[in-house]
N, C-alpha and C. Protein backbone atom coordinates (compact mmCIF):
# COMPACT_ATOMS: atom_id res chain seq x y z
N UNK A 1 46.79 101.54 9.73
CA UNK A 1 46.07 100.72 10.68
C UNK A 1 45.75 101.56 11.91
N UNK A 2 44.47 101.63 12.30
CA UNK A 2 44.11 102.45 13.45
C UNK A 2 44.65 101.86 14.73
N UNK A 3 44.97 102.73 15.65
CA UNK A 3 45.48 102.30 16.95
C UNK A 3 44.35 101.67 17.75
N UNK A 4 44.66 100.60 18.45
CA UNK A 4 43.66 99.95 19.30
C UNK A 4 43.71 100.56 20.68
N UNK A 5 42.54 100.69 21.28
CA UNK A 5 42.51 101.20 22.65
C UNK A 5 42.86 100.05 23.60
N UNK A 6 43.28 100.39 24.78
CA UNK A 6 43.59 99.37 25.78
C UNK A 6 42.36 98.54 26.08
N UNK A 7 41.20 99.16 26.03
CA UNK A 7 39.96 98.46 26.33
C UNK A 7 39.68 97.38 25.30
N UNK A 8 39.86 97.68 23.99
CA UNK A 8 39.53 96.69 22.98
C UNK A 8 40.54 95.55 22.95
N UNK A 9 41.78 95.79 23.42
CA UNK A 9 42.79 94.75 23.46
C UNK A 9 42.69 93.91 24.71
N UNK A 10 42.03 94.40 25.73
CA UNK A 10 42.00 93.78 27.04
C UNK A 10 41.34 92.42 27.00
N UNK A 11 41.89 91.51 27.78
CA UNK A 11 41.28 90.20 27.95
C UNK A 11 40.57 90.13 29.30
N UNK A 12 40.47 91.25 29.99
CA UNK A 12 39.81 91.29 31.29
C UNK A 12 40.01 92.63 31.95
N UNK A 13 39.69 92.70 33.23
CA UNK A 13 39.84 93.95 33.97
C UNK A 13 41.31 94.31 34.12
N UNK A 14 41.59 95.57 34.00
CA UNK A 14 42.95 96.05 34.28
C UNK A 14 43.10 96.16 35.80
N UNK A 15 44.32 96.29 36.26
CA UNK A 15 44.56 96.45 37.69
C UNK A 15 43.87 97.71 38.19
N UNK A 16 43.86 98.76 37.38
CA UNK A 16 43.21 100.01 37.77
C UNK A 16 41.70 99.83 37.90
N UNK A 17 41.10 99.07 36.97
CA UNK A 17 39.66 98.82 37.03
C UNK A 17 39.30 98.01 38.28
N UNK A 18 40.11 96.99 38.58
CA UNK A 18 39.86 96.19 39.79
C UNK A 18 39.94 97.06 41.04
N UNK A 19 40.96 97.91 41.11
CA UNK A 19 41.13 98.79 42.26
C UNK A 19 39.96 99.75 42.39
N UNK A 20 39.50 100.30 41.27
CA UNK A 20 38.38 101.24 41.29
C UNK A 20 37.10 100.55 41.77
N UNK A 21 36.88 99.31 41.35
CA UNK A 21 35.68 98.59 41.78
C UNK A 21 35.74 98.29 43.28
N UNK A 22 36.91 97.94 43.78
CA UNK A 22 37.04 97.69 45.22
C UNK A 22 36.80 98.98 46.01
N UNK A 23 37.31 100.09 45.49
CA UNK A 23 37.08 101.38 46.15
C UNK A 23 35.60 101.72 46.16
N UNK A 24 34.93 101.48 45.04
CA UNK A 24 33.50 101.78 44.96
C UNK A 24 32.71 100.91 45.94
N UNK A 25 33.07 99.65 46.05
CA UNK A 25 32.39 98.77 47.00
C UNK A 25 32.58 99.28 48.43
N UNK A 26 33.78 99.74 48.74
CA UNK A 26 34.04 100.29 50.08
C UNK A 26 33.22 101.55 50.31
N UNK A 27 33.10 102.40 49.29
CA UNK A 27 32.29 103.62 49.40
C UNK A 27 30.83 103.27 49.68
N UNK A 28 30.32 102.28 48.96
CA UNK A 28 28.93 101.87 49.15
C UNK A 28 28.70 101.33 50.55
N UNK A 29 29.64 100.52 51.05
CA UNK A 29 29.50 100.00 52.41
C UNK A 29 29.48 101.14 53.42
N UNK A 30 30.28 102.17 53.16
CA UNK A 30 30.36 103.31 54.07
C UNK A 30 29.07 104.12 54.07
N UNK A 31 28.25 103.99 53.04
CA UNK A 31 26.98 104.73 52.97
C UNK A 31 25.92 104.17 53.91
N UNK A 32 26.17 103.02 54.48
CA UNK A 32 25.20 102.44 55.40
C UNK A 32 24.55 101.20 54.83
N UNK A 33 23.41 100.83 55.40
CA UNK A 33 22.74 99.57 55.08
C UNK A 33 22.42 99.43 53.60
N UNK A 34 21.82 100.45 53.00
CA UNK A 34 21.46 100.37 51.59
C UNK A 34 22.71 100.29 50.71
N UNK A 35 23.71 101.08 51.06
CA UNK A 35 24.97 101.05 50.33
C UNK A 35 25.68 99.72 50.50
N UNK A 36 25.61 99.16 51.68
CA UNK A 36 26.24 97.86 51.94
C UNK A 36 25.60 96.77 51.10
N UNK A 37 24.30 96.85 50.93
CA UNK A 37 23.60 95.86 50.11
C UNK A 37 24.08 95.95 48.66
N UNK A 38 24.22 97.18 48.16
CA UNK A 38 24.73 97.36 46.80
C UNK A 38 26.16 96.84 46.69
N UNK A 39 26.96 97.14 47.69
CA UNK A 39 28.36 96.69 47.69
C UNK A 39 28.42 95.17 47.71
N UNK A 40 27.56 94.54 48.49
CA UNK A 40 27.54 93.08 48.54
C UNK A 40 27.14 92.50 47.19
N UNK A 41 26.16 93.11 46.54
CA UNK A 41 25.75 92.66 45.21
C UNK A 41 26.88 92.79 44.21
N UNK A 42 27.57 93.93 44.24
CA UNK A 42 28.71 94.14 43.36
C UNK A 42 29.78 93.09 43.62
N UNK A 43 30.07 92.82 44.89
CA UNK A 43 31.10 91.83 45.22
C UNK A 43 30.68 90.44 44.75
N UNK A 44 29.40 90.10 44.89
CA UNK A 44 28.92 88.80 44.42
C UNK A 44 29.11 88.67 42.91
N UNK A 45 28.81 89.73 42.17
CA UNK A 45 28.99 89.71 40.72
C UNK A 45 30.47 89.54 40.38
N UNK A 46 31.32 90.31 41.03
CA UNK A 46 32.76 90.21 40.75
C UNK A 46 33.30 88.84 41.12
N UNK A 47 32.83 88.26 42.22
CA UNK A 47 33.26 86.92 42.62
C UNK A 47 32.81 85.89 41.59
N UNK A 48 31.58 86.01 41.13
CA UNK A 48 31.05 85.07 40.13
C UNK A 48 31.86 85.17 38.84
N UNK A 49 32.15 86.39 38.41
CA UNK A 49 32.94 86.58 37.20
C UNK A 49 34.33 85.95 37.37
N UNK A 50 34.93 86.11 38.53
CA UNK A 50 36.26 85.56 38.79
C UNK A 50 36.28 84.04 38.72
N UNK A 51 35.15 83.39 38.95
CA UNK A 51 35.07 81.93 38.92
C UNK A 51 34.92 81.36 37.51
N UNK A 52 34.67 82.20 36.54
CA UNK A 52 34.42 81.74 35.17
C UNK A 52 35.71 81.30 34.48
N UNK A 53 35.54 80.49 33.44
CA UNK A 53 36.67 80.12 32.59
C UNK A 53 37.24 81.39 31.97
N UNK A 54 38.51 81.42 31.64
CA UNK A 54 39.15 82.65 31.15
C UNK A 54 38.41 83.35 30.00
N UNK A 55 37.94 82.60 29.02
CA UNK A 55 37.25 83.23 27.87
C UNK A 55 35.94 83.88 28.31
N UNK A 56 35.18 83.16 29.14
CA UNK A 56 33.91 83.70 29.65
C UNK A 56 34.17 84.89 30.57
N UNK A 57 35.20 84.77 31.41
CA UNK A 57 35.53 85.84 32.35
C UNK A 57 35.86 87.12 31.60
N UNK A 58 36.65 87.03 30.54
CA UNK A 58 37.00 88.22 29.76
C UNK A 58 35.75 88.88 29.18
N UNK A 59 34.82 88.09 28.66
CA UNK A 59 33.57 88.65 28.14
C UNK A 59 32.74 89.27 29.26
N UNK A 60 32.60 88.55 30.36
CA UNK A 60 31.79 89.04 31.49
C UNK A 60 32.35 90.35 32.04
N UNK A 61 33.66 90.46 32.12
CA UNK A 61 34.27 91.69 32.61
C UNK A 61 33.98 92.85 31.68
N UNK A 62 34.07 92.63 30.39
CA UNK A 62 33.79 93.71 29.44
C UNK A 62 32.30 94.09 29.48
N UNK A 63 31.42 93.10 29.60
CA UNK A 63 29.99 93.39 29.72
C UNK A 63 29.76 94.20 31.00
N UNK A 64 30.38 93.79 32.09
CA UNK A 64 30.21 94.50 33.35
C UNK A 64 30.61 95.97 33.22
N UNK A 65 31.74 96.22 32.60
CA UNK A 65 32.20 97.60 32.41
C UNK A 65 31.21 98.36 31.52
N UNK A 66 30.79 97.75 30.42
CA UNK A 66 29.86 98.42 29.50
C UNK A 66 28.54 98.76 30.20
N UNK A 67 28.01 97.82 30.97
CA UNK A 67 26.72 98.06 31.65
C UNK A 67 26.87 99.12 32.74
N UNK A 68 27.89 98.99 33.57
CA UNK A 68 28.01 99.92 34.70
C UNK A 68 28.38 101.33 34.25
N UNK A 69 29.11 101.46 33.15
CA UNK A 69 29.43 102.80 32.64
C UNK A 69 28.24 103.41 31.91
N UNK A 70 27.47 102.59 31.20
CA UNK A 70 26.35 103.09 30.40
C UNK A 70 25.11 103.33 31.25
N UNK A 71 24.89 102.47 32.24
CA UNK A 71 23.69 102.56 33.07
C UNK A 71 24.05 102.45 34.55
N UNK A 72 24.69 103.48 35.09
CA UNK A 72 25.11 103.42 36.50
C UNK A 72 23.94 103.31 37.47
N UNK A 73 22.74 103.59 37.00
CA UNK A 73 21.57 103.48 37.87
C UNK A 73 21.18 102.02 38.13
N UNK A 74 21.69 101.08 37.34
CA UNK A 74 21.42 99.67 37.56
C UNK A 74 22.33 99.14 38.67
N UNK A 75 21.80 98.26 39.47
CA UNK A 75 22.54 97.70 40.59
C UNK A 75 23.02 96.29 40.25
N UNK A 76 24.33 96.05 40.33
CA UNK A 76 24.84 94.69 40.09
C UNK A 76 24.38 93.74 41.19
N UNK A 77 24.01 92.54 40.80
CA UNK A 77 23.65 91.49 41.75
C UNK A 77 23.69 90.18 40.99
N UNK A 78 23.70 89.08 41.70
CA UNK A 78 23.64 87.80 41.00
C UNK A 78 22.18 87.37 40.88
N UNK A 79 21.91 86.61 39.84
CA UNK A 79 20.57 86.14 39.55
C UNK A 79 20.71 84.72 39.02
N UNK A 80 20.23 83.75 39.75
CA UNK A 80 20.44 82.34 39.41
C UNK A 80 21.92 82.05 39.21
N UNK A 81 22.76 82.71 40.00
CA UNK A 81 24.20 82.50 39.93
C UNK A 81 24.89 83.22 38.78
N UNK A 82 24.16 84.07 38.09
CA UNK A 82 24.73 84.80 36.96
C UNK A 82 24.87 86.28 37.32
N UNK A 83 25.88 86.95 36.75
CA UNK A 83 25.95 88.40 36.93
C UNK A 83 24.72 89.04 36.29
N UNK A 84 24.11 89.96 37.01
CA UNK A 84 22.90 90.61 36.52
C UNK A 84 22.88 92.05 37.03
N UNK A 85 21.97 92.83 36.46
CA UNK A 85 21.87 94.25 36.78
C UNK A 85 20.40 94.59 36.91
N UNK A 86 20.04 95.12 38.08
CA UNK A 86 18.65 95.36 38.42
C UNK A 86 18.33 96.85 38.44
N UNK A 87 17.05 97.17 38.20
CA UNK A 87 16.58 98.55 38.27
C UNK A 87 16.32 98.94 39.71
N UNK A 88 15.83 100.15 39.92
CA UNK A 88 15.61 100.64 41.29
C UNK A 88 14.55 99.84 42.05
N UNK A 89 13.71 99.11 41.33
CA UNK A 89 12.71 98.26 41.97
C UNK A 89 13.27 96.87 42.31
N UNK A 90 14.54 96.65 41.99
CA UNK A 90 15.16 95.36 42.25
C UNK A 90 14.90 94.31 41.18
N UNK A 91 14.24 94.71 40.10
CA UNK A 91 13.93 93.77 39.02
C UNK A 91 15.09 93.70 38.03
N UNK A 92 15.43 92.49 37.62
CA UNK A 92 16.54 92.28 36.69
C UNK A 92 16.19 92.88 35.33
N UNK A 93 17.14 93.63 34.79
CA UNK A 93 17.00 94.21 33.46
C UNK A 93 17.92 93.46 32.49
N UNK A 94 19.17 93.24 32.90
CA UNK A 94 20.19 92.64 32.04
C UNK A 94 20.90 91.54 32.83
N UNK A 95 21.26 90.46 32.12
CA UNK A 95 22.07 89.42 32.76
C UNK A 95 23.09 88.87 31.77
N UNK A 96 24.13 88.28 32.32
CA UNK A 96 25.16 87.63 31.52
C UNK A 96 25.23 86.17 31.94
N UNK A 97 25.12 85.28 30.97
CA UNK A 97 25.21 83.85 31.24
C UNK A 97 26.46 83.33 30.54
N UNK A 98 27.40 82.84 31.33
CA UNK A 98 28.63 82.32 30.72
C UNK A 98 28.36 80.98 30.04
N UNK A 99 29.16 80.67 29.04
CA UNK A 99 28.95 79.45 28.26
C UNK A 99 29.07 78.20 29.13
N UNK A 100 29.88 78.26 30.18
CA UNK A 100 30.06 77.12 31.05
C UNK A 100 28.87 76.81 31.93
N UNK A 101 27.97 77.77 32.12
CA UNK A 101 26.82 77.58 33.01
C UNK A 101 26.00 76.36 32.61
N UNK A 102 25.71 76.22 31.32
CA UNK A 102 24.93 75.10 30.82
C UNK A 102 25.64 74.38 29.68
N UNK A 103 26.96 74.52 29.62
CA UNK A 103 27.79 73.90 28.59
C UNK A 103 27.36 74.30 27.17
N UNK A 104 27.08 75.59 27.00
CA UNK A 104 26.75 76.12 25.66
C UNK A 104 28.03 76.45 24.92
N UNK A 105 27.93 76.63 23.63
CA UNK A 105 29.11 76.99 22.84
C UNK A 105 29.34 78.50 22.81
N UNK A 106 28.47 79.27 23.45
CA UNK A 106 28.61 80.72 23.50
C UNK A 106 28.04 81.24 24.82
N UNK A 107 28.53 82.41 25.22
CA UNK A 107 27.95 83.12 26.36
C UNK A 107 26.75 83.90 25.86
N UNK A 108 25.91 84.33 26.79
CA UNK A 108 24.68 85.03 26.41
C UNK A 108 24.53 86.33 27.18
N UNK A 109 24.18 87.38 26.47
CA UNK A 109 23.76 88.63 27.07
C UNK A 109 22.25 88.66 26.93
N UNK A 110 21.56 88.69 28.07
CA UNK A 110 20.11 88.60 28.03
C UNK A 110 19.44 89.79 28.69
N UNK A 111 18.19 90.00 28.29
CA UNK A 111 17.38 91.10 28.81
C UNK A 111 16.05 90.55 29.29
N UNK A 112 15.62 91.00 30.45
CA UNK A 112 14.34 90.58 31.01
C UNK A 112 13.25 91.54 30.54
N UNK A 113 12.01 91.24 30.93
CA UNK A 113 10.87 92.03 30.46
C UNK A 113 10.91 93.48 30.92
N UNK A 114 11.69 93.79 31.92
CA UNK A 114 11.81 95.18 32.37
C UNK A 114 12.66 96.03 31.43
N UNK A 115 13.38 95.39 30.52
CA UNK A 115 14.18 96.13 29.54
C UNK A 115 13.26 96.72 28.48
N UNK A 116 13.55 97.94 28.10
CA UNK A 116 12.72 98.64 27.12
C UNK A 116 13.21 98.38 25.70
N UNK A 117 13.13 97.12 25.28
CA UNK A 117 13.59 96.75 23.94
C UNK A 117 12.45 96.43 22.99
N UNK A 118 11.21 96.62 23.45
CA UNK A 118 10.05 96.29 22.64
C UNK A 118 10.14 96.95 21.27
N UNK A 119 9.85 96.14 20.23
CA UNK A 119 9.88 96.63 18.85
C UNK A 119 8.82 95.89 18.05
N UNK A 120 7.59 96.37 18.13
CA UNK A 120 6.50 95.71 17.42
C UNK A 120 6.09 94.44 18.14
N UNK A 121 5.80 93.39 17.35
CA UNK A 121 5.34 92.14 17.92
C UNK A 121 6.44 91.10 18.10
N UNK A 122 7.68 91.43 17.68
CA UNK A 122 8.77 90.48 17.77
C UNK A 122 10.09 91.22 17.93
N UNK A 123 10.86 90.87 18.97
CA UNK A 123 12.18 91.49 19.16
C UNK A 123 13.07 90.52 19.92
N UNK A 124 14.37 90.60 19.72
CA UNK A 124 15.28 89.70 20.44
C UNK A 124 15.47 90.14 21.89
N UNK A 125 15.62 89.16 22.76
CA UNK A 125 15.86 89.45 24.18
C UNK A 125 17.14 88.80 24.69
N UNK A 126 17.84 88.06 23.83
CA UNK A 126 19.15 87.53 24.22
C UNK A 126 20.05 87.49 22.99
N UNK A 127 21.35 87.61 23.28
CA UNK A 127 22.35 87.69 22.22
C UNK A 127 23.51 86.77 22.55
N UNK A 128 23.95 86.00 21.59
CA UNK A 128 25.12 85.15 21.77
C UNK A 128 26.37 86.02 21.70
N UNK A 129 27.30 85.77 22.62
CA UNK A 129 28.58 86.50 22.65
C UNK A 129 29.71 85.47 22.58
N UNK A 130 30.59 85.62 21.60
CA UNK A 130 31.73 84.72 21.52
C UNK A 130 33.05 85.45 21.72
N UNK A 131 33.14 86.69 21.22
CA UNK A 131 34.35 87.48 21.39
C UNK A 131 33.97 88.94 21.54
N UNK A 132 34.83 89.67 22.27
CA UNK A 132 34.61 91.11 22.47
C UNK A 132 35.40 91.86 21.41
N UNK A 133 34.78 92.86 20.85
CA UNK A 133 35.43 93.71 19.85
C UNK A 133 34.81 95.09 19.97
N UNK A 134 35.39 96.09 19.32
CA UNK A 134 34.77 97.42 19.34
C UNK A 134 33.34 97.40 18.80
N UNK A 135 33.09 96.60 17.78
CA UNK A 135 31.74 96.52 17.22
C UNK A 135 30.77 95.89 18.22
N UNK A 136 31.21 94.85 18.91
CA UNK A 136 30.37 94.21 19.92
C UNK A 136 30.11 95.19 21.06
N UNK A 137 31.16 95.87 21.50
CA UNK A 137 31.00 96.84 22.58
C UNK A 137 29.99 97.92 22.19
N UNK A 138 30.08 98.42 20.98
CA UNK A 138 29.16 99.46 20.52
C UNK A 138 27.72 98.96 20.56
N UNK A 139 27.50 97.73 20.10
CA UNK A 139 26.15 97.16 20.08
C UNK A 139 25.63 96.93 21.50
N UNK A 140 26.48 96.44 22.39
CA UNK A 140 26.08 96.20 23.78
C UNK A 140 25.68 97.52 24.43
N UNK A 141 26.48 98.56 24.22
CA UNK A 141 26.17 99.88 24.80
C UNK A 141 24.83 100.38 24.25
N UNK A 142 24.59 100.22 22.96
CA UNK A 142 23.31 100.64 22.36
C UNK A 142 22.14 99.89 23.02
N UNK A 143 22.29 98.58 23.20
CA UNK A 143 21.23 97.77 23.81
C UNK A 143 20.98 98.18 25.26
N UNK A 144 22.06 98.42 26.01
CA UNK A 144 21.91 98.83 27.40
C UNK A 144 21.20 100.18 27.48
N UNK A 145 21.60 101.12 26.63
CA UNK A 145 20.93 102.43 26.62
C UNK A 145 19.45 102.28 26.34
N UNK A 146 19.11 101.45 25.35
CA UNK A 146 17.69 101.24 25.02
C UNK A 146 16.97 100.56 26.18
N UNK A 147 17.61 99.59 26.80
CA UNK A 147 16.99 98.83 27.88
C UNK A 147 16.59 99.70 29.05
N UNK A 148 17.38 100.73 29.33
CA UNK A 148 17.10 101.58 30.50
C UNK A 148 16.41 102.88 30.12
N UNK A 149 16.12 103.07 28.87
CA UNK A 149 15.49 104.33 28.43
C UNK A 149 14.03 104.42 28.85
């Protein structure tokens, strides 16, 4: 049986990940007005994630890590009260909608028109998420890479 990584077993952010995000927010604030705006957006996303039900929060935290590690050029911010990630023009590329937002049976990972996912005349722009696994993480990372390519 292969060993599981701490990330795949995690039900949310580790203490180290939380500390690193707080440090990054402080660094951004120290950069001045533009950095402070990014830090505020990051804090809004983290606050929104913290308000979610435990199952949704665990998914949102893993999505947040996958997006920010794969596409650090995207800026975290909230969008209609959802965690989202914007390009340098401030346009939303990726968002996460928790199942509790509209009482759905699943959370959603969605992509806006700024995402580079075009594939002919028909392609998916949102994905249902129920549980995090290494396979889900791999697919999310692939989608994020394509979206920002």
